[in-house]
Amino acid sequence: MLFHRILSALLGYPDAELRAALPEIAAAIATADLSADERAALKRFLGQLSDNDPTASEEEYVRTFDMVPEHSLHLTHHLIGEDKNRGPALIDLAEYYKEYGIEIAQKELPDYLPLVLEFTSVLEDGEESRMFLSRWNKALRQLHANLAEAGSPYADLIALIERRSRLVEASGDADATLAAAKSNPLLDDGDFDPPVNWNAPPSLSSECAGRRC
């Protein structure tokens, strides 16, 4: 989904490479299948990023995501913190990606939000993408609340992702959707009980098989 690719890019470090890609991202925002509110929010964020001093933007990003654990883009942190069970959950998620030829770079963890968005962007069906993303809804809600409290402009981006992750908005069979939510450990309001059961993996488009997209 183009929407997820756009958000994955905008949540990256705002270096020269990202700034050079802003016109391309702006064009993607103009053509993507978005609601009026989503398009307006993305345009507003893109405008702020374009207008800001590059060094100031980089410093703000570091202050926001690297200096404050509560703002971490690693989603399992918002579910279980640095609990000993986080390791097995991350291993399971990495293995889940690997089944589809998506190798995670050694420097990154599989629960890194831009990476999660990259993965959901290559799922063939929008409903499949929503179902996978919904497994992180609880973490997304917490991350958004933390960023909003800090007055970060990145809170608007997380709000867009969180809205798309809500199972109650999914189409299709209501009973099946409810059953999926109940079986999803990442949506459980109780204690986290690893290892994570990622259930039957959704299909990826054939062009992404065997490589990272």
N, C-alpha and C. Protein backbone atom coordinates (compact mmCIF):
# COMPACT_ATOMS: atom_id res chain seq x y z
N MET A 1 0.85 -1.20 0.00
CA MET A 1 0.00 0.00 0.00
C MET A 1 0.88 1.25 0.00
N LEU A 2 0.60 2.15 -0.92
CA LEU A 2 1.39 3.36 -1.05
C LEU A 2 1.34 4.20 0.21
N PHE A 3 0.19 4.21 0.86
CA PHE A 3 0.04 4.96 2.11
C PHE A 3 1.09 4.55 3.13
N HIS A 4 1.32 3.25 3.26
CA HIS A 4 2.28 2.76 4.24
C HIS A 4 3.72 3.09 3.84
N ARG A 5 3.99 3.05 2.54
CA ARG A 5 5.33 3.41 2.07
C ARG A 5 5.64 4.89 2.37
N ILE A 6 4.64 5.73 2.18
CA ILE A 6 4.82 7.16 2.46
C ILE A 6 5.14 7.37 3.94
N LEU A 7 4.38 6.73 4.80
CA LEU A 7 4.59 6.91 6.24
C LEU A 7 5.92 6.31 6.68
N SER A 8 6.29 5.18 6.11
CA SER A 8 7.58 4.58 6.43
C SER A 8 8.71 5.55 6.12
N ALA A 9 8.63 6.21 4.97
CA ALA A 9 9.66 7.17 4.57
C ALA A 9 9.69 8.37 5.50
N LEU A 10 8.53 8.92 5.82
CA LEU A 10 8.47 10.13 6.65
C LEU A 10 8.89 9.89 8.09
N LEU A 11 8.82 8.64 8.54
CA LEU A 11 9.27 8.32 9.90
C LEU A 11 10.76 8.03 9.96
N GLY A 12 11.42 8.11 8.83
CA GLY A 12 12.86 7.89 8.81
C GLY A 12 13.62 9.14 9.24
N TYR A 13 14.92 8.96 9.45
CA TYR A 13 15.78 10.08 9.84
C TYR A 13 15.80 11.11 8.71
N PRO A 14 15.55 12.38 9.02
CA PRO A 14 15.41 13.40 7.97
C PRO A 14 16.74 13.90 7.44
N ASP A 15 17.51 13.00 6.86
CA ASP A 15 18.81 13.37 6.32
C ASP A 15 18.67 13.92 4.91
N ALA A 16 19.81 14.15 4.25
CA ALA A 16 19.78 14.73 2.91
C ALA A 16 19.05 13.84 1.92
N GLU A 17 19.19 12.52 2.10
CA GLU A 17 18.52 11.59 1.19
C GLU A 17 17.01 11.72 1.26
N LEU A 18 16.49 11.81 2.49
CA LEU A 18 15.04 11.96 2.64
C LEU A 18 14.58 13.30 2.10
N ARG A 19 15.33 14.35 2.38
CA ARG A 19 14.93 15.67 1.90
C ARG A 19 14.92 15.73 0.37
N ALA A 20 15.86 15.03 -0.26
CA ALA A 20 15.90 15.00 -1.72
C ALA A 20 14.69 14.27 -2.29
N ALA A 21 14.13 13.36 -1.50
CA ALA A 21 12.98 12.56 -1.95
C ALA A 21 11.65 13.24 -1.67
N LEU A 22 11.65 14.39 -1.01
CA LEU A 22 10.38 15.04 -0.64
C LEU A 22 9.48 15.35 -1.83
N PRO A 23 10.01 15.83 -2.96
CA PRO A 23 9.12 16.05 -4.11
C PRO A 23 8.44 14.77 -4.59
N GLU A 24 9.18 13.66 -4.57
CA GLU A 24 8.60 12.38 -4.96
C GLU A 24 7.53 11.95 -3.97
N ILE A 25 7.80 12.17 -2.69
CA ILE A 25 6.81 11.83 -1.66
C ILE A 25 5.57 12.69 -1.82
N ALA A 26 5.76 13.96 -2.13
CA ALA A 26 4.62 14.87 -2.33
C ALA A 26 3.75 14.39 -3.50
N ALA A 27 4.40 13.91 -4.55
CA ALA A 27 3.65 13.40 -5.70
C ALA A 27 2.88 12.15 -5.32
N ALA A 28 3.49 11.30 -4.49
CA ALA A 28 2.82 10.08 -4.04
C ALA A 28 1.61 10.42 -3.18
N ILE A 29 1.74 11.42 -2.33
CA ILE A 29 0.61 11.84 -1.49
C ILE A 29 -0.56 12.32 -2.37
N ALA A 30 -0.23 12.98 -3.45
CA ALA A 30 -1.27 13.52 -4.33
C ALA A 30 -2.05 12.42 -5.05
N THR A 31 -1.40 11.26 -5.27
CA THR A 31 -2.05 10.20 -6.06
C THR A 31 -2.52 9.02 -5.23
N ALA A 32 -2.08 8.91 -3.99
CA ALA A 32 -2.42 7.76 -3.15
C ALA A 32 -3.90 7.75 -2.80
N ASP A 33 -4.39 6.56 -2.49
CA ASP A 33 -5.80 6.40 -2.09
C ASP A 33 -5.92 6.79 -0.61
N LEU A 34 -6.23 8.05 -0.37
CA LEU A 34 -6.28 8.60 0.97
C LEU A 34 -7.59 9.33 1.19
N SER A 35 -7.97 9.42 2.47
CA SER A 35 -9.10 10.28 2.80
C SER A 35 -8.62 11.73 2.77
N ALA A 36 -9.56 12.65 2.77
CA ALA A 36 -9.20 14.07 2.75
C ALA A 36 -8.39 14.44 3.99
N ASP A 37 -8.76 13.89 5.15
CA ASP A 37 -8.05 14.18 6.39
C ASP A 37 -6.62 13.63 6.35
N GLU A 38 -6.47 12.42 5.82
CA GLU A 38 -5.14 11.82 5.73
C GLU A 38 -4.24 12.63 4.81
N ARG A 39 -4.79 13.01 3.65
CA ARG A 39 -3.98 13.78 2.70
C ARG A 39 -3.57 15.13 3.29
N ALA A 40 -4.50 15.77 3.99
CA ALA A 40 -4.20 17.07 4.59
C ALA A 40 -3.13 16.95 5.66
N ALA A 41 -3.22 15.91 6.49
CA ALA A 41 -2.23 15.71 7.56
C ALA A 41 -0.84 15.44 6.99
N LEU A 42 -0.78 14.63 5.94
CA LEU A 42 0.51 14.33 5.32
C LEU A 42 1.10 15.56 4.64
N LYS A 43 0.27 16.33 3.97
CA LYS A 43 0.76 17.56 3.33
C LYS A 43 1.27 18.54 4.37
N ARG A 44 0.56 18.64 5.49
CA ARG A 44 0.98 19.56 6.55
C ARG A 44 2.34 19.15 7.11
N PHE A 45 2.51 17.86 7.39
CA PHE A 45 3.79 17.39 7.93
C PHE A 45 4.90 17.61 6.90
N LEU A 46 4.62 17.28 5.64
CA LEU A 46 5.62 17.43 4.60
C LEU A 46 6.03 18.89 4.45
N GLY A 47 5.07 19.80 4.56
CA GLY A 47 5.38 21.22 4.48
C GLY A 47 6.28 21.67 5.61
N GLN A 48 6.00 21.19 6.82
CA GLN A 48 6.83 21.54 7.96
C GLN A 48 8.25 21.03 7.78
N LEU A 49 8.37 19.79 7.29
CA LEU A 49 9.69 19.20 7.10
C LEU A 49 10.46 19.95 6.01
N SER A 50 9.77 20.36 4.97
CA SER A 50 10.41 21.10 3.88
C SER A 50 10.88 22.47 4.33
N ASP A 51 10.09 23.12 5.18
CA ASP A 51 10.40 24.49 5.59
C ASP A 51 11.44 24.56 6.70
N ASN A 52 11.54 23.51 7.48
CA ASN A 52 12.46 23.53 8.62
C ASN A 52 13.93 23.51 8.18
N ASP A 53 14.76 24.09 9.00
CA ASP A 53 16.20 24.00 8.78
C ASP A 53 16.62 22.54 8.87
N PRO A 54 17.40 22.01 7.93
CA PRO A 54 17.78 20.59 7.93
C PRO A 54 18.43 20.14 9.24
N THR A 55 19.35 20.94 9.75
CA THR A 55 20.02 20.56 10.99
C THR A 55 19.04 20.52 12.15
N ALA A 56 18.13 21.50 12.19
CA ALA A 56 17.13 21.53 13.26
C ALA A 56 16.22 20.31 13.18
N SER A 57 15.86 19.90 11.98
CA SER A 57 15.00 18.73 11.81
C SER A 57 15.71 17.47 12.30
N GLU A 58 16.98 17.34 11.97
CA GLU A 58 17.74 16.17 12.41
C GLU A 58 17.87 16.14 13.93
N GLU A 59 18.13 17.30 14.52
CA GLU A 59 18.25 17.37 15.97
C GLU A 59 16.93 17.05 16.65
N GLU A 60 15.84 17.53 16.09
CA GLU A 60 14.52 17.25 16.66
C GLU A 60 14.22 15.76 16.60
N TYR A 61 14.58 15.13 15.49
CA TYR A 61 14.34 13.69 15.33
C TYR A 61 15.10 12.91 16.40
N VAL A 62 16.37 13.25 16.61
CA VAL A 62 17.18 12.56 17.61
C VAL A 62 16.62 12.78 19.01
N ARG A 63 16.25 14.01 19.31
CA ARG A 63 15.66 14.30 20.63
C ARG A 63 14.37 13.52 20.84
N THR A 64 13.60 13.41 19.78
CA THR A 64 12.29 12.76 19.90
C THR A 64 12.41 11.26 20.06
N PHE A 65 13.13 10.61 19.16
CA PHE A 65 13.09 9.16 19.09
C PHE A 65 14.27 8.45 19.74
N ASP A 66 15.41 9.12 19.83
CA ASP A 66 16.60 8.46 20.39
C ASP A 66 16.83 8.78 21.85
N MET A 67 16.32 9.91 22.32
CA MET A 67 16.60 10.34 23.69
C MET A 67 15.48 10.02 24.67
N VAL A 68 14.31 9.68 24.16
CA VAL A 68 13.16 9.43 25.03
C VAL A 68 12.61 8.02 24.77
N PRO A 69 12.83 7.08 25.67
CA PRO A 69 12.36 5.71 25.45
C PRO A 69 10.86 5.61 25.17
N GLU A 70 10.07 6.50 25.79
CA GLU A 70 8.63 6.47 25.60
C GLU A 70 8.21 6.84 24.17
N HIS A 71 9.16 7.35 23.38
CA HIS A 71 8.88 7.71 22.00
C HIS A 71 9.48 6.71 21.02
N SER A 72 9.95 5.62 21.50
CA SER A 72 10.65 4.65 20.65
C SER A 72 9.78 4.17 19.49
N LEU A 73 10.41 4.02 18.32
CA LEU A 73 9.72 3.46 17.15
C LEU A 73 9.79 1.94 17.13
N HIS A 74 10.38 1.35 18.16
CA HIS A 74 10.38 -0.10 18.30
C HIS A 74 9.15 -0.49 19.11
N LEU A 75 8.19 -1.09 18.42
CA LEU A 75 6.84 -1.21 18.98
C LEU A 75 6.75 -2.12 20.19
N THR A 76 7.55 -3.18 20.26
CA THR A 76 7.43 -4.06 21.42
C THR A 76 7.82 -3.35 22.71
N HIS A 77 8.60 -2.28 22.59
CA HIS A 77 8.97 -1.52 23.79
C HIS A 77 7.73 -0.99 24.50
N HIS A 78 6.71 -0.63 23.73
CA HIS A 78 5.49 -0.06 24.32
C HIS A 78 4.56 -1.14 24.85
N LEU A 79 4.89 -2.40 24.59
CA LEU A 79 4.08 -3.50 25.09
C LEU A 79 4.71 -4.17 26.30
N ILE A 80 6.02 -4.37 26.24
CA ILE A 80 6.68 -5.11 27.33
C ILE A 80 7.97 -4.45 27.80
N GLY A 81 8.29 -3.25 27.31
CA GLY A 81 9.50 -2.58 27.75
C GLY A 81 10.73 -3.40 27.42
N GLU A 82 11.63 -3.50 28.38
CA GLU A 82 12.84 -4.27 28.20
C GLU A 82 12.74 -5.61 28.92
N ASP A 83 11.53 -6.10 29.07
CA ASP A 83 11.30 -7.39 29.71
C ASP A 83 12.08 -8.49 28.99
N LYS A 84 12.48 -9.51 29.75
CA LYS A 84 13.26 -10.61 29.17
C LYS A 84 12.52 -11.32 28.04
N ASN A 85 11.21 -11.22 28.03
CA ASN A 85 10.42 -11.90 27.01
C ASN A 85 10.41 -11.15 25.67
N ARG A 86 10.98 -9.96 25.64
CA ARG A 86 10.99 -9.20 24.39
C ARG A 86 11.86 -9.89 23.34
N GLY A 87 12.96 -10.47 23.78
CA GLY A 87 13.86 -11.15 22.85
C GLY A 87 13.18 -12.24 22.05
N PRO A 88 12.51 -13.20 22.72
CA PRO A 88 11.81 -14.25 21.95
C PRO A 88 10.76 -13.70 21.00
N ALA A 89 10.07 -12.63 21.40
CA ALA A 89 9.05 -12.05 20.52
C ALA A 89 9.69 -11.48 19.26
N LEU A 90 10.84 -10.83 19.42
CA LEU A 90 11.54 -10.25 18.27
C LEU A 90 12.08 -11.34 17.35
N ILE A 91 12.57 -12.42 17.94
CA ILE A 91 13.07 -13.55 17.13
C ILE A 91 11.95 -14.15 16.31
N ASP A 92 10.78 -14.32 16.93
CA ASP A 92 9.64 -14.88 16.21
C ASP A 92 9.24 -13.97 15.04
N LEU A 93 9.25 -12.67 15.27
CA LEU A 93 8.86 -11.74 14.23
C LEU A 93 9.86 -11.76 13.08
N ALA A 94 11.15 -11.82 13.40
CA ALA A 94 12.17 -11.89 12.36
C ALA A 94 12.03 -13.16 11.53
N GLU A 95 11.72 -14.27 12.20
CA GLU A 95 11.52 -15.53 11.48
C GLU A 95 10.28 -15.46 10.60
N TYR A 96 9.28 -14.76 11.06
CA TYR A 96 8.06 -14.58 10.28
C TYR A 96 8.36 -13.86 8.97
N TYR A 97 9.13 -12.77 9.06
CA TYR A 97 9.54 -12.05 7.86
C TYR A 97 10.37 -12.95 6.94
N LYS A 98 11.28 -13.72 7.54
CA LYS A 98 12.23 -14.52 6.78
C LYS A 98 11.53 -15.57 5.92
N GLU A 99 10.38 -16.04 6.36
CA GLU A 99 9.63 -17.02 5.58
C GLU A 99 9.28 -16.49 4.20
N TYR A 100 9.28 -15.19 4.04
CA TYR A 100 8.93 -14.56 2.77
C TYR A 100 10.13 -13.88 2.12
N GLY A 101 11.31 -14.32 2.54
CA GLY A 101 12.52 -13.81 1.93
C GLY A 101 12.89 -12.41 2.35
N ILE A 102 12.29 -11.90 3.41
CA ILE A 102 12.58 -10.55 3.88
C ILE A 102 13.60 -10.65 5.01
N GLU A 103 14.83 -10.32 4.72
CA GLU A 103 15.90 -10.38 5.70
C GLU A 103 16.03 -9.02 6.39
N ILE A 104 16.16 -9.07 7.69
CA ILE A 104 16.30 -7.84 8.48
C ILE A 104 17.78 -7.51 8.62
N ALA A 105 18.15 -6.28 8.32
CA ALA A 105 19.53 -5.86 8.49
C ALA A 105 19.94 -6.01 9.95
N GLN A 106 21.19 -6.38 10.18
CA GLN A 106 21.66 -6.64 11.54
C GLN A 106 21.50 -5.43 12.46
N LYS A 107 21.57 -4.24 11.89
CA LYS A 107 21.51 -3.04 12.72
C LYS A 107 20.09 -2.69 13.14
N GLU A 108 19.09 -3.38 12.57
CA GLU A 108 17.71 -3.03 12.87
C GLU A 108 16.96 -4.18 13.52
N LEU A 109 15.95 -3.84 14.31
CA LEU A 109 15.09 -4.83 14.94
C LEU A 109 13.79 -4.94 14.15
N PRO A 110 13.18 -6.12 14.14
CA PRO A 110 12.01 -6.34 13.29
C PRO A 110 10.75 -5.60 13.71
N ASP A 111 10.73 -5.05 14.93
CA ASP A 111 9.54 -4.31 15.37
C ASP A 111 9.66 -2.81 15.11
N TYR A 112 10.70 -2.40 14.37
CA TYR A 112 10.90 -0.99 14.03
C TYR A 112 9.76 -0.55 13.12
N LEU A 113 9.03 0.47 13.52
CA LEU A 113 7.79 0.84 12.85
C LEU A 113 7.95 1.07 11.34
N PRO A 114 8.95 1.83 10.88
CA PRO A 114 9.10 1.97 9.43
C PRO A 114 9.25 0.63 8.71
N LEU A 115 9.91 -0.34 9.35
CA LEU A 115 10.06 -1.67 8.76
C LEU A 115 8.72 -2.41 8.75
N VAL A 116 7.96 -2.30 9.82
CA VAL A 116 6.63 -2.91 9.87
C VAL A 116 5.77 -2.34 8.74
N LEU A 117 5.87 -1.04 8.51
CA LEU A 117 5.10 -0.40 7.44
C LEU A 117 5.55 -0.86 6.06
N GLU A 118 6.85 -1.05 5.89
CA GLU A 118 7.35 -1.59 4.62
C GLU A 118 6.74 -2.95 4.36
N PHE A 119 6.69 -3.77 5.40
CA PHE A 119 6.13 -5.12 5.24
C PHE A 119 4.65 -5.05 4.87
N THR A 120 3.89 -4.25 5.59
CA THR A 120 2.45 -4.18 5.29
C THR A 120 2.19 -3.57 3.91
N SER A 121 3.13 -2.78 3.42
CA SER A 121 2.92 -2.15 2.11
C SER A 121 2.99 -3.14 0.97
N VAL A 122 3.59 -4.31 1.19
CA VAL A 122 3.71 -5.28 0.10
C VAL A 122 2.69 -6.41 0.21
N LEU A 123 1.83 -6.37 1.20
CA LEU A 123 0.78 -7.37 1.28
C LEU A 123 -0.21 -7.15 0.15
N GLU A 124 -0.63 -8.22 -0.49
CA GLU A 124 -1.47 -8.11 -1.69
C GLU A 124 -2.82 -7.49 -1.41
N ASP A 125 -3.37 -7.80 -0.25
CA ASP A 125 -4.74 -7.40 0.04
C ASP A 125 -4.76 -6.37 1.16
N GLY A 126 -5.56 -5.32 0.99
CA GLY A 126 -5.63 -4.29 2.01
C GLY A 126 -6.11 -4.81 3.34
N GLU A 127 -7.02 -5.78 3.31
CA GLU A 127 -7.52 -6.35 4.56
C GLU A 127 -6.44 -7.13 5.28
N GLU A 128 -5.61 -7.85 4.52
CA GLU A 128 -4.49 -8.58 5.12
C GLU A 128 -3.52 -7.61 5.77
N SER A 129 -3.27 -6.50 5.10
CA SER A 129 -2.38 -5.49 5.64
C SER A 129 -2.92 -4.94 6.94
N ARG A 130 -4.22 -4.65 6.99
CA ARG A 130 -4.83 -4.12 8.20
C ARG A 130 -4.78 -5.14 9.33
N MET A 131 -5.00 -6.41 9.01
CA MET A 131 -4.97 -7.44 10.04
C MET A 131 -3.60 -7.56 10.68
N PHE A 132 -2.54 -7.49 9.85
CA PHE A 132 -1.20 -7.55 10.41
C PHE A 132 -0.91 -6.31 11.24
N LEU A 133 -1.25 -5.15 10.70
CA LEU A 133 -0.98 -3.90 11.42
C LEU A 133 -1.78 -3.81 12.71
N SER A 134 -2.96 -4.42 12.71
CA SER A 134 -3.82 -4.36 13.90
C SER A 134 -3.16 -5.01 15.10
N ARG A 135 -2.23 -5.91 14.86
CA ARG A 135 -1.55 -6.58 15.96
C ARG A 135 -0.68 -5.62 16.77
N TRP A 136 -0.45 -4.44 16.19
CA TRP A 136 0.35 -3.44 16.88
C TRP A 136 -0.48 -2.26 17.39
N ASN A 137 -1.81 -2.38 17.34
CA ASN A 137 -2.65 -1.23 17.67
C ASN A 137 -2.41 -0.71 19.08
N LYS A 138 -2.27 -1.60 20.03
CA LYS A 138 -2.07 -1.19 21.41
C LYS A 138 -0.79 -0.36 21.55
N ALA A 139 0.29 -0.81 20.89
CA ALA A 139 1.56 -0.08 20.93
C ALA A 139 1.43 1.27 20.23
N LEU A 140 0.72 1.28 19.11
CA LEU A 140 0.54 2.53 18.37
C LEU A 140 -0.25 3.55 19.17
N ARG A 141 -1.27 3.09 19.88
CA ARG A 141 -2.04 4.01 20.73
C ARG A 141 -1.16 4.63 21.80
N GLN A 142 -0.31 3.82 22.41
CA GLN A 142 0.56 4.33 23.46
C GLN A 142 1.60 5.30 22.90
N LEU A 143 2.19 4.93 21.76
CA LEU A 143 3.19 5.80 21.14
C LEU A 143 2.57 7.14 20.75
N HIS A 144 1.38 7.09 20.18
CA HIS A 144 0.71 8.35 19.80
C HIS A 144 0.45 9.22 21.03
N ALA A 145 -0.03 8.62 22.10
CA ALA A 145 -0.32 9.38 23.31
C ALA A 145 0.95 10.04 23.85
N ASN A 146 2.06 9.32 23.83
CA ASN A 146 3.32 9.86 24.33
C ASN A 146 3.81 11.02 23.48
N LEU A 147 3.74 10.86 22.16
CA LEU A 147 4.20 11.92 21.27
C LEU A 147 3.28 13.14 21.33
N ALA A 148 1.98 12.90 21.43
CA ALA A 148 1.04 14.01 21.51
C ALA A 148 1.26 14.81 22.79
N GLU A 149 1.52 14.11 23.88
CA GLU A 149 1.77 14.81 25.15
C GLU A 149 3.01 15.69 25.06
N ALA A 150 3.99 15.24 24.28
CA ALA A 150 5.22 16.01 24.11
C ALA A 150 5.08 17.10 23.06
N GLY A 151 3.95 17.15 22.37
CA GLY A 151 3.74 18.16 21.35
C GLY A 151 4.54 17.92 20.08
N SER A 152 4.88 16.68 19.81
CA SER A 152 5.69 16.36 18.64
C SER A 152 4.83 16.32 17.38
N PRO A 153 5.32 16.89 16.28
CA PRO A 153 4.58 16.80 15.01
C PRO A 153 4.47 15.37 14.50
N TYR A 154 5.35 14.50 14.98
CA TYR A 154 5.29 13.11 14.56
C TYR A 154 4.05 12.39 15.11
N ALA A 155 3.42 12.98 16.11
CA ALA A 155 2.20 12.39 16.66
C ALA A 155 1.12 12.29 15.59
N ASP A 156 1.09 13.25 14.67
CA ASP A 156 0.08 13.23 13.61
C ASP A 156 0.27 12.03 12.69
N LEU A 157 1.53 11.68 12.41
CA LEU A 157 1.80 10.52 11.56
C LEU A 157 1.37 9.23 12.25
N ILE A 158 1.69 9.11 13.53
CA ILE A 158 1.32 7.91 14.27
C ILE A 158 -0.19 7.79 14.37
N ALA A 159 -0.88 8.91 14.49
CA ALA A 159 -2.34 8.89 14.56
C ALA A 159 -2.93 8.31 13.28
N LEU A 160 -2.34 8.64 12.13
CA LEU A 160 -2.83 8.10 10.86
C LEU A 160 -2.65 6.59 10.80
N ILE A 161 -1.50 6.12 11.28
CA ILE A 161 -1.24 4.67 11.27
C ILE A 161 -2.17 3.96 12.24
N GLU A 162 -2.32 4.53 13.42
CA GLU A 162 -3.19 3.90 14.43
C GLU A 162 -4.62 3.78 13.92
N ARG A 163 -5.10 4.81 13.24
CA ARG A 163 -6.46 4.77 12.72
C ARG A 163 -6.64 3.63 11.72
N ARG A 164 -5.64 3.44 10.86
CA ARG A 164 -5.70 2.37 9.86
C ARG A 164 -5.57 0.99 10.50
N SER A 165 -5.06 0.93 11.71
CA SER A 165 -4.81 -0.36 12.35
C SER A 165 -6.01 -0.89 13.14
N ARG A 166 -7.07 -0.12 13.21
CA ARG A 166 -8.21 -0.52 14.05
C ARG A 166 -9.04 -1.60 13.37
N LEU A 167 -9.16 -2.73 14.05
CA LEU A 167 -9.92 -3.84 13.50
C LEU A 167 -11.39 -3.51 13.36
N VAL A 168 -11.91 -2.64 14.20
CA VAL A 168 -13.35 -2.33 14.16
C VAL A 168 -13.72 -1.65 12.85
N GLU A 169 -12.73 -1.11 12.15
CA GLU A 169 -13.02 -0.47 10.88
C GLU A 169 -12.86 -1.42 9.70
N ALA A 170 -12.38 -2.64 9.98
CA ALA A 170 -12.14 -3.58 8.89
C ALA A 170 -13.45 -4.05 8.29
N SER A 171 -13.41 -4.31 6.99
CA SER A 171 -14.57 -4.86 6.32
C SER A 171 -14.51 -6.37 6.39
N GLY A 172 -15.56 -7.05 5.88
CA GLY A 172 -15.55 -8.50 5.86
C GLY A 172 -16.37 -9.07 6.99
N ASP A 173 -16.13 -10.35 7.25
CA ASP A 173 -16.92 -11.07 8.24
C ASP A 173 -16.61 -10.58 9.65
N ALA A 174 -17.62 -10.10 10.34
CA ALA A 174 -17.42 -9.51 11.67
C ALA A 174 -16.98 -10.56 12.67
N ASP A 175 -17.53 -11.78 12.60
CA ASP A 175 -17.17 -12.82 13.54
C ASP A 175 -15.71 -13.23 13.38
N ALA A 176 -15.28 -13.34 12.12
CA ALA A 176 -13.89 -13.72 11.87
C ALA A 176 -12.94 -12.64 12.37
N THR A 177 -13.33 -11.38 12.18
CA THR A 177 -12.49 -10.28 12.64
C THR A 177 -12.39 -10.27 14.15
N LEU A 178 -13.50 -10.50 14.83
CA LEU A 178 -13.49 -10.54 16.29
C LEU A 178 -12.65 -11.69 16.79
N ALA A 179 -12.75 -12.84 16.14
CA ALA A 179 -11.97 -14.01 16.55
C ALA A 179 -10.48 -13.73 16.40
N ALA A 180 -10.12 -13.06 15.31
CA ALA A 180 -8.71 -12.73 15.10
C ALA A 180 -8.20 -11.79 16.17
N ALA A 181 -9.03 -10.84 16.55
CA ALA A 181 -8.63 -9.89 17.59
C ALA A 181 -8.42 -10.60 18.92
N LYS A 182 -9.32 -11.53 19.25
CA LYS A 182 -9.23 -12.23 20.53
C LYS A 182 -7.99 -13.12 20.60
N SER A 183 -7.57 -13.66 19.44
CA SER A 183 -6.43 -14.56 19.42
C SER A 183 -5.11 -13.83 19.27
N ASN A 184 -5.17 -12.53 19.17
CA ASN A 184 -3.98 -11.73 18.91
C ASN A 184 -3.36 -11.25 20.23
N PRO A 185 -2.19 -11.76 20.60
CA PRO A 185 -1.58 -11.36 21.88
C PRO A 185 -1.21 -9.89 21.94
N LEU A 186 -1.00 -9.25 20.80
CA LEU A 186 -0.62 -7.84 20.81
C LEU A 186 -1.80 -6.93 21.05
N LEU A 187 -3.01 -7.48 21.00
CA LEU A 187 -4.20 -6.68 21.30
C LEU A 187 -4.74 -6.96 22.69
N ASP A 188 -4.11 -7.87 23.39
CA ASP A 188 -4.58 -8.28 24.71
C ASP A 188 -4.24 -7.19 25.72
N ASP A 189 -5.22 -6.75 26.46
CA ASP A 189 -4.97 -5.72 27.46
C ASP A 189 -4.31 -6.28 28.72
N GLY A 190 -4.17 -7.60 28.77
CA GLY A 190 -3.53 -8.22 29.91
C GLY A 190 -2.03 -8.30 29.73
N ASP A 191 -1.40 -9.21 30.46
CA ASP A 191 0.04 -9.35 30.37
C ASP A 191 0.44 -9.95 29.03
N PHE A 192 1.60 -9.52 28.55
CA PHE A 192 2.12 -10.06 27.31
C PHE A 192 2.64 -11.47 27.57
N ASP A 193 2.30 -12.40 26.71
CA ASP A 193 2.65 -13.79 26.93
C ASP A 193 3.38 -14.35 25.72
N PRO A 194 4.69 -14.12 25.59
CA PRO A 194 5.44 -14.57 24.44
C PRO A 194 5.64 -16.08 24.48
N PRO A 195 6.10 -16.71 23.38
CA PRO A 195 6.42 -16.04 22.13
C PRO A 195 5.17 -15.62 21.38
N VAL A 196 5.31 -14.60 20.54
CA VAL A 196 4.17 -14.11 19.78
C VAL A 196 3.75 -15.14 18.75
N ASN A 197 2.47 -15.38 18.66
CA ASN A 197 1.93 -16.27 17.63
C ASN A 197 1.47 -15.40 16.48
N TRP A 198 2.22 -15.43 15.39
CA TRP A 198 1.90 -14.55 14.27
C TRP A 198 0.84 -15.16 13.37
N ASN A 199 0.37 -16.37 13.73
CA ASN A 199 -0.72 -17.03 12.98
C ASN A 199 -0.30 -17.32 11.54
N ALA A 200 -1.24 -17.71 10.71
CA ALA A 200 -0.95 -18.03 9.32
C ALA A 200 -0.52 -16.76 8.60
N PRO A 201 0.68 -16.75 8.03
CA PRO A 201 1.18 -15.53 7.40
C PRO A 201 0.43 -15.21 6.13
N PRO A 202 0.18 -13.92 5.89
CA PRO A 202 -0.50 -13.50 4.67
C PRO A 202 0.42 -13.63 3.46
N SER A 203 -0.17 -13.68 2.28
CA SER A 203 0.61 -13.83 1.06
C SER A 203 1.17 -12.49 0.63
N LEU A 204 2.39 -12.54 0.09
CA LEU A 204 3.01 -11.35 -0.48
C LEU A 204 2.91 -11.43 -1.99
N SER A 205 2.97 -10.29 -2.65
CA SER A 205 2.95 -10.29 -4.09
C SER A 205 4.17 -11.04 -4.60
N SER A 206 4.04 -11.72 -5.72
CA SER A 206 5.10 -12.57 -6.22
C SER A 206 6.37 -11.80 -6.50
N GLU A 207 6.27 -10.53 -6.85
CA GLU A 207 7.45 -9.75 -7.18
C GLU A 207 8.31 -9.49 -5.96
N CYS A 208 7.75 -9.68 -4.75
CA CYS A 208 8.51 -9.44 -3.54
C CYS A 208 9.07 -10.74 -2.95
N ALA A 209 8.70 -11.86 -3.51
CA ALA A 209 9.16 -13.14 -2.98
C ALA A 209 10.67 -13.24 -3.13
N GLY A 210 11.32 -13.67 -2.06
CA GLY A 210 12.74 -13.90 -2.10
C GLY A 210 13.61 -12.68 -1.94
N ARG A 211 13.01 -11.52 -1.71
CA ARG A 211 13.81 -10.33 -1.49
C ARG A 211 13.06 -9.36 -0.61
N ARG A 212 13.79 -8.43 -0.05
CA ARG A 212 13.14 -7.41 0.77
C ARG A 212 12.60 -6.31 -0.13
N CYS A 213 11.36 -5.90 0.11
CA CYS A 213 10.75 -4.84 -0.71
C CYS A 213 10.77 -3.53 0.05
